[in-house]
Amino acid sequence: MSTRVLPPAPRELLADRAYADLRDRIVTLRIAPGEPIDEDVLGAELAIGRTPVREAIKRLALENLVTVFPRRGTFASEINITDLADISDVRTQLEGHAAFRAAQRLTREQRAELDQLLVTLAHSKGSDDTAALMALDATVHRFIHRAAGNPYLEETLGRYLNLSLRIWHLVIDRLPHMFARVHEHDDVLHAIATRVRADTDTFMVPYAKGSPLDPASYDPAGGSNLVTKMGIDATRKSNYPDEIAVPGFEKIDMADFIPGYRNS
């Protein structure tokens, strides 16, 4: 019986694997700030040669996660916690734009991936595993960056995400309400899936009758209590190929919410 020998993996794929593995070790502080990085040991652990490891280290050095000292060696970069304000300043400007582009450019395959992320978020409810929640947080961010369909935007946001995650891991035991912070992504993913855009899908309805329970509609003169209301057009667009299946929707019984409702 003959044995089939598979061709070796392309060098760029090995370098990507080395990059992702070493990045995660540095970001999660499994390699501590200032700790030396041994190329031979890392290559042996990943069962790859020196060249892909070196290419990964060059990439990480450009992202300020690794520092290379000539004739001294390679080290995980030190952390300056005061950098978080500047890093967040950049991310604040770009993260929303990435979600905006993702809503415009989401592919069929990415919609399936998005649905699975929603399932994973739902299953993590009540979890106190901060490391797993941090990993899920990074996964959601990287998905949105990729779904934006702009490699320059993805690369830039990925770099600043890694730097901020590293600082958060440094103080992970002191982060309050970690679960709630991660699950804020649930609303973002639903907005991307349904393609509701603030600039085109929201509208105002002036002179609408207000509720007597709404303080904004109170008219001390006893008038008509008219207010301006906001609406959101979440209907499926004519060029939208199919509907998004929200996990768990099939278990909802509308009769629980609308008296007298009957399924057709």
C-alpha atoms as a PDB file:
ATOM      1  CA  MET A   1       0.000   0.000   0.000  1.00  0.00           C
ATOM      2  CA  SER A   2       1.450   3.333  -1.068  1.00  0.00           C
ATOM      3  CA  THR A   3       1.604   6.324   1.230  1.00  0.00           C
ATOM      4  CA  ARG A   4       0.528   9.652  -0.160  1.00  0.00           C
ATOM      5  CA  VAL A   5       2.921  12.465   0.701  1.00  0.00           C
ATOM      6  CA  LEU A   6       1.219  15.802   0.995  1.00  0.00           C
ATOM      7  CA  PRO A   7       3.031  18.853  -0.373  1.00  0.00           C
ATOM      8  CA  PRO A   8       4.458  21.246   2.209  1.00  0.00           C
ATOM      9  CA  ALA A   9       2.296  24.187   3.203  1.00  0.00           C
ATOM     10  CA  PRO A  10       3.105  27.444   1.368  1.00  0.00           C
ATOM     11  CA  ARG A  11       5.552  29.624   3.247  1.00  0.00           C
ATOM     12  CA  GLU A  12       3.083  32.523   3.527  1.00  0.00           C
ATOM     13  CA  LEU A  13       0.540  30.244   5.232  1.00  0.00           C
ATOM     14  CA  LEU A  14       3.154  29.047   7.708  1.00  0.00           C
ATOM     15  CA  ALA A  15       4.144  32.657   8.403  1.00  0.00           C
ATOM     16  CA  ASP A  16       0.480  33.562   9.009  1.00  0.00           C
ATOM     17  CA  ARG A  17       0.144  30.660  11.428  1.00  0.00           C
ATOM     18  CA  ALA A  18       3.310  31.680  13.253  1.00  0.00           C
ATOM     19  CA  TYR A  19       2.095  35.293  13.363  1.00  0.00           C
ATOM     20  CA  ALA A  20      -1.344  34.416  14.794  1.00  0.00           C
ATOM     21  CA  ASP A  21       0.105  32.069  17.414  1.00  0.00           C
ATOM     22  CA  LEU A  22       2.849  34.440  18.561  1.00  0.00           C
ATOM     23  CA  ARG A  23       0.462  37.416  18.472  1.00  0.00           C
ATOM     24  CA  ASP A  24      -2.015  35.637  20.750  1.00  0.00           C
ATOM     25  CA  ARG A  25       0.719  34.610  23.176  1.00  0.00           C
ATOM     26  CA  ILE A  26       1.931  38.207  23.432  1.00  0.00           C
ATOM     27  CA  VAL A  27      -1.535  39.801  23.576  1.00  0.00           C
ATOM     28  CA  THR A  28      -2.773  37.446  26.306  1.00  0.00           C
ATOM     29  CA  LEU A  29       0.517  37.900  28.219  1.00  0.00           C
ATOM     30  CA  ARG A  30       1.445  34.216  28.014  1.00  0.00           C
ATOM     31  CA  ILE A  31       4.676  35.822  26.845  1.00  0.00           C
ATOM     32  CA  ALA A  32       5.170  38.557  29.426  1.00  0.00           C
ATOM     33  CA  PRO A  33       6.289  42.089  28.556  1.00  0.00           C
ATOM     34  CA  GLY A  34      10.066  42.150  28.199  1.00  0.00           C
ATOM     35  CA  GLU A  35      10.329  38.361  27.995  1.00  0.00           C
ATOM     36  CA  PRO A  36      12.741  37.015  25.338  1.00  0.00           C
ATOM     37  CA  ILE A  37      11.351  35.149  22.335  1.00  0.00           C
ATOM     38  CA  ASP A  38      13.323  32.114  21.210  1.00  0.00           C
ATOM     39  CA  GLU A  39      12.820  31.531  17.478  1.00  0.00           C
ATOM     40  CA  ASP A  40      14.048  27.924  17.641  1.00  0.00           C
ATOM     41  CA  VAL A  41      11.750  26.981  20.522  1.00  0.00           C
ATOM     42  CA  LEU A  42       8.741  28.627  18.862  1.00  0.00           C
ATOM     43  CA  GLY A  43       9.482  26.938  15.543  1.00  0.00           C
ATOM     44  CA  ALA A  44       9.761  23.543  17.254  1.00  0.00           C
ATOM     45  CA  GLU A  45       6.454  24.043  19.098  1.00  0.00           C
ATOM     46  CA  LEU A  46       4.692  24.951  15.849  1.00  0.00           C
ATOM     47  CA  ALA A  47       6.573  22.337  13.813  1.00  0.00           C
ATOM     48  CA  ILE A  48       7.737  24.937  11.305  1.00  0.00           C
ATOM     49  CA  GLY A  49      11.107  26.277  10.238  1.00  0.00           C
ATOM     50  CA  ARG A  50      12.911  29.459  11.189  1.00  0.00           C
ATOM     51  CA  THR A  51      11.959  31.500   8.117  1.00  0.00           C
ATOM     52  CA  PRO A  52       8.180  31.692   8.803  1.00  0.00           C
ATOM     53  CA  VAL A  53       8.912  32.523  12.455  1.00  0.00           C
ATOM     54  CA  ARG A  54      11.236  35.341  11.459  1.00  0.00           C
ATOM     55  CA  GLU A  55       8.667  36.716   9.025  1.00  0.00           C
ATOM     56  CA  ALA A  56       6.063  36.673  11.802  1.00  0.00           C
ATOM     57  CA  ILE A  57       8.463  38.489  14.161  1.00  0.00           C
ATOM     58  CA  LYS A  58       9.126  41.202  11.547  1.00  0.00           C
ATOM     59  CA  ARG A  59       5.382  41.732  11.192  1.00  0.00           C
ATOM     60  CA  LEU A  60       4.854  41.900  14.953  1.00  0.00           C
ATOM     61  CA  ALA A  61       7.747  44.344  15.303  1.00  0.00           C
ATOM     62  CA  LEU A  62       5.962  46.708  12.894  1.00  0.00           C
ATOM     63  CA  GLU A  63       2.883  46.445  15.138  1.00  0.00           C
ATOM     64  CA  ASN A  64       4.892  47.358  18.272  1.00  0.00           C
ATOM     65  CA  LEU A  65       4.267  43.974  19.889  1.00  0.00           C
ATOM     66  CA  VAL A  66       7.866  42.811  19.514  1.00  0.00           C
ATOM     67  CA  THR A  67      11.152  44.659  19.974  1.00  0.00           C
ATOM     68  CA  VAL A  68      14.300  43.452  18.225  1.00  0.00           C
ATOM     69  CA  PHE A  69      17.667  44.480  19.648  1.00  0.00           C
ATOM     70  CA  PRO A  70      20.665  43.809  17.366  1.00  0.00           C
ATOM     71  CA  ARG A  71      23.082  41.286  18.890  1.00  0.00           C
ATOM     72  CA  ARG A  72      20.826  40.974  21.946  1.00  0.00           C
ATOM     73  CA  GLY A  73      17.739  39.193  20.700  1.00  0.00           C
ATOM     74  CA  THR A  74      13.978  39.518  20.312  1.00  0.00           C
ATOM     75  CA  PHE A  75      11.685  40.476  23.187  1.00  0.00           C
ATOM     76  CA  ALA A  76       7.992  41.065  23.782  1.00  0.00           C
ATOM     77  CA  SER A  77       7.520  44.825  23.883  1.00  0.00           C
ATOM     78  CA  GLU A  78       6.963  46.550  27.188  1.00  0.00           C
ATOM     79  CA  ILE A  79       3.488  47.880  28.026  1.00  0.00           C
ATOM     80  CA  ASN A  80       2.775  51.524  28.760  1.00  0.00           C
ATOM     81  CA  ILE A  81      -0.753  51.624  30.133  1.00  0.00           C
ATOM     82  CA  THR A  82      -1.036  55.356  29.406  1.00  0.00           C
ATOM     83  CA  ASP A  83      -1.007  54.489  25.681  1.00  0.00           C
ATOM     84  CA  LEU A  84      -4.589  53.195  26.000  1.00  0.00           C
ATOM     85  CA  ALA A  85      -6.093  56.685  25.688  1.00  0.00           C
ATOM     86  CA  ASP A  86      -4.328  57.339  22.370  1.00  0.00           C
ATOM     87  CA  ILE A  87      -5.091  53.843  21.078  1.00  0.00           C
ATOM     88  CA  SER A  88      -8.764  54.235  21.972  1.00  0.00           C
ATOM     89  CA  ASP A  89      -8.850  57.635  20.264  1.00  0.00           C
ATOM     90  CA  VAL A  90      -7.910  55.974  16.964  1.00  0.00           C
ATOM     91  CA  ARG A  91     -10.255  53.018  17.418  1.00  0.00           C
ATOM     92  CA  THR A  92     -13.194  55.254  18.301  1.00  0.00           C
ATOM     93  CA  GLN A  93     -12.924  56.917  14.905  1.00  0.00           C
ATOM     94  CA  LEU A  94     -12.504  53.728  12.874  1.00  0.00           C
ATOM     95  CA  GLU A  95     -14.541  50.970  14.569  1.00  0.00           C
ATOM     96  CA  GLY A  96     -17.889  52.554  13.697  1.00  0.00           C
ATOM     97  CA  HIS A  97     -16.816  53.038  10.093  1.00  0.00           C
ATOM     98  CA  ALA A  98     -15.791  49.377   9.891  1.00  0.00           C
ATOM     99  CA  ALA A  99     -19.242  48.292  11.105  1.00  0.00           C
ATOM    100  CA  PHE A 100     -20.843  50.685   8.590  1.00  0.00           C
ATOM    101  CA  ARG A 101     -18.867  49.115   5.720  1.00  0.00           C
ATOM    102  CA  ALA A 102     -19.539  45.605   7.000  1.00  0.00           C
ATOM    103  CA  ALA A 103     -23.286  46.270   6.826  1.00  0.00           C
ATOM    104  CA  GLN A 104     -22.858  47.379   3.215  1.00  0.00           C
ATOM    105  CA  ARG A 105     -20.546  44.586   2.062  1.00  0.00           C
ATOM    106  CA  LEU A 106     -21.479  41.521   4.104  1.00  0.00           C
ATOM    107  CA  THR A 107     -21.275  38.387   1.938  1.00  0.00           C
ATOM    108  CA  ARG A 108     -23.470  35.306   2.144  1.00  0.00           C
ATOM    109  CA  GLU A 109     -20.662  33.322   3.791  1.00  0.00           C
ATOM    110  CA  GLN A 110     -20.035  36.104   6.285  1.00  0.00           C
ATOM    111  CA  ARG A 111     -23.733  36.238   7.177  1.00  0.00           C
ATOM    112  CA  ALA A 112     -23.519  32.573   8.160  1.00  0.00           C
ATOM    113  CA  GLU A 113     -20.420  33.361  10.220  1.00  0.00           C
ATOM    114  CA  LEU A 114     -22.242  36.276  11.858  1.00  0.00           C
ATOM    115  CA  ASP A 115     -25.158  34.013  12.814  1.00  0.00           C
ATOM    116  CA  GLN A 116     -22.732  31.611  14.447  1.00  0.00           C
ATOM    117  CA  LEU A 117     -21.160  34.468  16.417  1.00  0.00           C
ATOM    118  CA  LEU A 118     -24.611  35.400  17.704  1.00  0.00           C
ATOM    119  CA  VAL A 119     -25.127  31.790  18.812  1.00  0.00           C
ATOM    120  CA  THR A 120     -21.751  31.818  20.579  1.00  0.00           C
ATOM    121  CA  LEU A 121     -22.604  35.088  22.322  1.00  0.00           C
ATOM    122  CA  ALA A 122     -25.932  33.617  23.449  1.00  0.00           C
ATOM    123  CA  HIS A 123     -24.257  30.483  24.797  1.00  0.00           C
ATOM    124  CA  SER A 124     -21.752  32.550  26.776  1.00  0.00           C
ATOM    125  CA  LYS A 125     -24.462  34.264  28.814  1.00  0.00           C
ATOM    126  CA  GLY A 126     -23.731  34.011  32.501  1.00  0.00           C
ATOM    127  CA  SER A 127     -20.122  32.979  31.929  1.00  0.00           C
ATOM    128  CA  ASP A 128     -17.473  34.191  34.360  1.00  0.00           C
ATOM    129  CA  ASP A 129     -14.578  32.896  32.230  1.00  0.00           C
ATOM    130  CA  THR A 130     -12.901  36.232  31.562  1.00  0.00           C
ATOM    131  CA  ALA A 131     -10.223  34.738  29.309  1.00  0.00           C
ATOM    132  CA  ALA A 132     -12.868  33.108  27.086  1.00  0.00           C
ATOM    133  CA  LEU A 133     -14.913  36.317  27.021  1.00  0.00           C
ATOM    134  CA  MET A 134     -11.852  38.337  26.012  1.00  0.00           C
ATOM    135  CA  ALA A 135     -11.138  35.848  23.212  1.00  0.00           C
ATOM    136  CA  LEU A 136     -14.755  36.128  22.041  1.00  0.00           C
ATOM    137  CA  ASP A 137     -14.500  39.916  22.131  1.00  0.00           C
ATOM    138  CA  ALA A 138     -11.430  39.794  19.883  1.00  0.00           C
ATOM    139  CA  THR A 139     -13.125  37.328  17.519  1.00  0.00           C
ATOM    140  CA  VAL A 140     -16.120  39.634  17.035  1.00  0.00           C
ATOM    141  CA  HIS A 141     -13.933  42.672  16.419  1.00  0.00           C
ATOM    142  CA  ARG A 142     -11.749  40.838  13.898  1.00  0.00           C
ATOM    143  CA  PHE A 143     -14.835  39.534  12.097  1.00  0.00           C
ATOM    144  CA  ILE A 144     -16.208  43.064  11.693  1.00  0.00           C
ATOM    145  CA  HIS A 145     -12.823  44.353  10.519  1.00  0.00           C
ATOM    146  CA  ARG A 146     -12.649  41.603   7.886  1.00  0.00           C
ATOM    147  CA  ALA A 147     -16.283  42.006   6.827  1.00  0.00           C
ATOM    148  CA  ALA A 148     -15.643  45.708   6.128  1.00  0.00           C
ATOM    149  CA  GLY A 149     -13.943  44.559   2.927  1.00  0.00           C
ATOM    150  CA  ASN A 150     -11.051  47.025   3.179  1.00  0.00           C
ATOM    151  CA  PRO A 151      -7.656  45.383   3.806  1.00  0.00           C
ATOM    152  CA  TYR A 152      -6.061  48.669   4.867  1.00  0.00           C
ATOM    153  CA  LEU A 153      -8.808  49.326   7.397  1.00  0.00           C
ATOM    154  CA  GLU A 154      -8.610  45.717   8.625  1.00  0.00           C
ATOM    155  CA  GLU A 155      -4.844  45.901   9.074  1.00  0.00           C
ATOM    156  CA  THR A 156      -4.963  49.244  10.886  1.00  0.00           C
ATOM    157  CA  LEU A 157      -7.768  48.249  13.249  1.00  0.00           C
ATOM    158  CA  GLY A 158      -6.187  44.855  13.883  1.00  0.00           C
ATOM    159  CA  ARG A 159      -2.966  46.514  14.988  1.00  0.00           C
ATOM    160  CA  TYR A 160      -4.678  48.849  17.469  1.00  0.00           C
ATOM    161  CA  LEU A 161      -7.002  46.101  18.695  1.00  0.00           C
ATOM    162  CA  ASN A 162      -3.994  43.949  19.588  1.00  0.00           C
ATOM    163  CA  LEU A 163      -2.350  46.795  21.487  1.00  0.00           C
ATOM    164  CA  SER A 164      -5.506  47.577  23.454  1.00  0.00           C
ATOM    165  CA  LEU A 165      -6.264  43.912  24.197  1.00  0.00           C
ATOM    166  CA  ARG A 166      -2.791  43.527  25.645  1.00  0.00           C
ATOM    167  CA  ILE A 167      -3.418  46.357  28.086  1.00  0.00           C
ATOM    168  CA  TRP A 168      -6.859  44.959  29.008  1.00  0.00           C
ATOM    169  CA  HIS A 169      -5.297  41.562  29.723  1.00  0.00           C
ATOM    170  CA  LEU A 170      -2.915  43.318  32.097  1.00  0.00           C
ATOM    171  CA  VAL A 171      -5.869  44.479  34.217  1.00  0.00           C
ATOM    172  CA  ILE A 172      -8.325  41.692  33.365  1.00  0.00           C
ATOM    173  CA  ASP A 173      -8.929  40.742  37.015  1.00  0.00           C
ATOM    174  CA  ARG A 174     -10.075  44.295  37.752  1.00  0.00           C
ATOM    175  CA  LEU A 175     -12.422  44.704  34.778  1.00  0.00           C
ATOM    176  CA  PRO A 176     -16.016  45.078  36.041  1.00  0.00           C
ATOM    177  CA  HIS A 177     -19.010  43.759  34.137  1.00  0.00           C
ATOM    178  CA  MET A 178     -16.888  41.907  31.572  1.00  0.00           C
ATOM    179  CA  PHE A 179     -19.871  39.896  30.359  1.00  0.00           C
ATOM    180  CA  ALA A 180     -21.985  43.006  29.702  1.00  0.00           C
ATOM    181  CA  ARG A 181     -19.149  44.681  27.794  1.00  0.00           C
ATOM    182  CA  VAL A 182     -18.708  41.713  25.456  1.00  0.00           C
ATOM    183  CA  HIS A 183     -22.443  41.352  24.882  1.00  0.00           C
ATOM    184  CA  GLU A 184     -22.716  44.930  23.671  1.00  0.00           C
ATOM    185  CA  HIS A 185     -21.544  43.411  20.380  1.00  0.00           C
ATOM    186  CA  ASP A 186     -24.867  41.592  20.075  1.00  0.00           C
ATOM    187  CA  ASP A 187     -26.655  44.785  19.010  1.00  0.00           C
ATOM    188  CA  VAL A 188     -23.865  45.698  16.592  1.00  0.00           C
ATOM    189  CA  LEU A 189     -23.996  42.301  14.882  1.00  0.00           C
ATOM    190  CA  HIS A 190     -27.782  42.460  14.551  1.00  0.00           C
ATOM    191  CA  ALA A 191     -27.518  45.941  13.022  1.00  0.00           C
ATOM    192  CA  ILE A 192     -24.940  44.676  10.513  1.00  0.00           C
ATOM    193  CA  ALA A 193     -27.102  41.658   9.680  1.00  0.00           C
ATOM    194  CA  THR A 194     -30.253  43.710   9.074  1.00  0.00           C
ATOM    195  CA  ARG A 195     -28.403  46.586   7.407  1.00  0.00           C
ATOM    196  CA  VAL A 196     -30.136  49.294   9.433  1.00  0.00           C
ATOM    197  CA  ARG A 197     -28.178  52.505   8.786  1.00  0.00           C
ATOM    198  CA  ALA A 198     -28.578  55.622  10.882  1.00  0.00           C
ATOM    199  CA  ASP A 199     -28.145  57.961   7.898  1.00  0.00           C
ATOM    200  CA  THR A 200     -30.761  56.387   5.605  1.00  0.00           C
ATOM    201  CA  ASP A 201     -33.013  54.124   7.698  1.00  0.00           C
ATOM    202  CA  THR A 202     -34.122  56.480  10.469  1.00  0.00           C
ATOM    203  CA  PHE A 203     -36.839  59.088  10.010  1.00  0.00           C
ATOM    204  CA  MET A 204     -38.862  61.581  12.016  1.00  0.00           C
ATOM    205  CA  VAL A 205     -42.656  61.689  12.327  1.00  0.00           C
ATOM    206  CA  PRO A 206     -43.657  65.235  13.371  1.00  0.00           C
ATOM    207  CA  TYR A 207     -46.933  66.163  15.060  1.00  0.00           C
ATOM    208  CA  ALA A 208     -47.602  62.648  16.353  1.00  0.00           C
ATOM    209  CA  LYS A 209     -49.836  62.234  19.370  1.00  0.00           C
ATOM    210  CA  GLY A 210     -47.770  61.610  22.466  1.00  0.00           C
ATOM    211  CA  SER A 211     -48.480  59.286  25.328  1.00  0.00           C
ATOM    212  CA  PRO A 212     -49.891  60.884  28.501  1.00  0.00           C
ATOM    213  CA  LEU A 213     -47.180  58.954  30.356  1.00  0.00           C
ATOM    214  CA  ASP A 214     -44.417  60.681  28.331  1.00  0.00           C
ATOM    215  CA  PRO A 215     -43.266  63.840  30.166  1.00  0.00           C
ATOM    216  CA  ALA A 216     -42.043  65.302  26.856  1.00  0.00           C
ATOM    217  CA  SER A 217     -45.618  65.319  25.525  1.00  0.00           C
ATOM    218  CA  TYR A 218     -47.112  67.084  28.535  1.00  0.00           C
ATOM    219  CA  ASP A 219     -48.960  70.237  27.552  1.00  0.00           C
ATOM    220  CA  PRO A 220     -49.827  72.319  30.661  1.00  0.00           C
ATOM    221  CA  ALA A 221     -52.391  74.233  28.592  1.00  0.00           C
ATOM    222  CA  GLY A 222     -54.309  71.017  27.952  1.00  0.00           C
ATOM    223  CA  GLY A 223     -53.607  70.977  24.222  1.00  0.00           C
ATOM    224  CA  SER A 224     -53.157  68.030  21.875  1.00  0.00           C
ATOM    225  CA  ASN A 225     -49.857  66.790  23.380  1.00  0.00           C
ATOM    226  CA  LEU A 226     -48.151  66.431  19.992  1.00  0.00           C
ATOM    227  CA  VAL A 227     -44.539  65.294  19.755  1.00  0.00           C
ATOM    228  CA  THR A 228     -42.021  64.282  17.110  1.00  0.00           C
ATOM    229  CA  LYS A 229     -41.344  60.544  17.034  1.00  0.00           C
ATOM    230  CA  MET A 230     -38.491  58.636  15.464  1.00  0.00           C
ATOM    231  CA  GLY A 231     -38.957  55.549  13.295  1.00  0.00           C
ATOM    232  CA  ILE A 232     -36.541  52.932  11.965  1.00  0.00           C
ATOM    233  CA  ASP A 233     -37.029  51.307   8.580  1.00  0.00           C
ATOM    234  CA  ALA A 234     -35.845  47.735   9.156  1.00  0.00           C
ATOM    235  CA  THR A 235     -37.671  46.240   6.160  1.00  0.00           C
ATOM    236  CA  ARG A 236     -35.758  44.031   3.783  1.00  0.00           C
ATOM    237  CA  LYS A 237     -34.322  45.990   0.851  1.00  0.00           C
ATOM    238  CA  SER A 238     -35.403  45.027  -2.657  1.00  0.00           C
ATOM    239  CA  ASN A 239     -31.876  43.937  -3.602  1.00  0.00           C
ATOM    240  CA  TYR A 240     -31.352  41.940  -0.410  1.00  0.00           C
ATOM    241  CA  PRO A 241     -30.898  38.262  -1.359  1.00  0.00           C
ATOM    242  CA  ASP A 242     -32.475  36.612   1.665  1.00  0.00           C
ATOM    243  CA  GLU A 243     -33.511  37.154   5.247  1.00  0.00           C
ATOM    244  CA  ILE A 244     -31.307  36.830   8.274  1.00  0.00           C
ATOM    245  CA  ALA A 245     -32.372  34.030  10.594  1.00  0.00           C
ATOM    246  CA  VAL A 246     -31.950  35.319  14.138  1.00  0.00           C
ATOM    247  CA  PRO A 247     -31.026  32.380  16.393  1.00  0.00           C
ATOM    248  CA  GLY A 248     -33.947  31.417  18.641  1.00  0.00           C
ATOM    249  CA  PHE A 249     -36.644  33.245  16.673  1.00  0.00           C
ATOM    250  CA  GLU A 250     -38.465  29.989  15.949  1.00  0.00           C
ATOM    251  CA  LYS A 251     -39.096  29.542  19.693  1.00  0.00           C
ATOM    252  CA  ILE A 252     -40.904  32.875  20.026  1.00  0.00           C
ATOM    253  CA  ASP A 253     -44.678  32.676  20.425  1.00  0.00           C
ATOM    254  CA  MET A 254     -46.221  36.005  19.429  1.00  0.00           C
ATOM    255  CA  ALA A 255     -49.299  35.159  21.515  1.00  0.00           C
ATOM    256  CA  ASP A 256     -47.131  35.771  24.570  1.00  0.00           C
ATOM    257  CA  PHE A 257     -46.797  39.403  23.517  1.00  0.00           C
ATOM    258  CA  ILE A 258     -49.959  40.201  21.520  1.00  0.00           C
ATOM    259  CA  PRO A 259     -53.296  39.232  23.119  1.00  0.00           C
ATOM    260  CA  GLY A 260     -55.527  37.341  20.720  1.00  0.00           C
ATOM    261  CA  TYR A 261     -52.726  36.698  18.238  1.00  0.00           C
ATOM    262  CA  ARG A 262     -53.069  33.496  16.207  1.00  0.00           C
ATOM    263  CA  ASN A 263     -50.401  31.963  13.988  1.00  0.00           C
ATOM    264  CA  SER A 264     -51.571  31.761  10.389  1.00  0.00           C
END
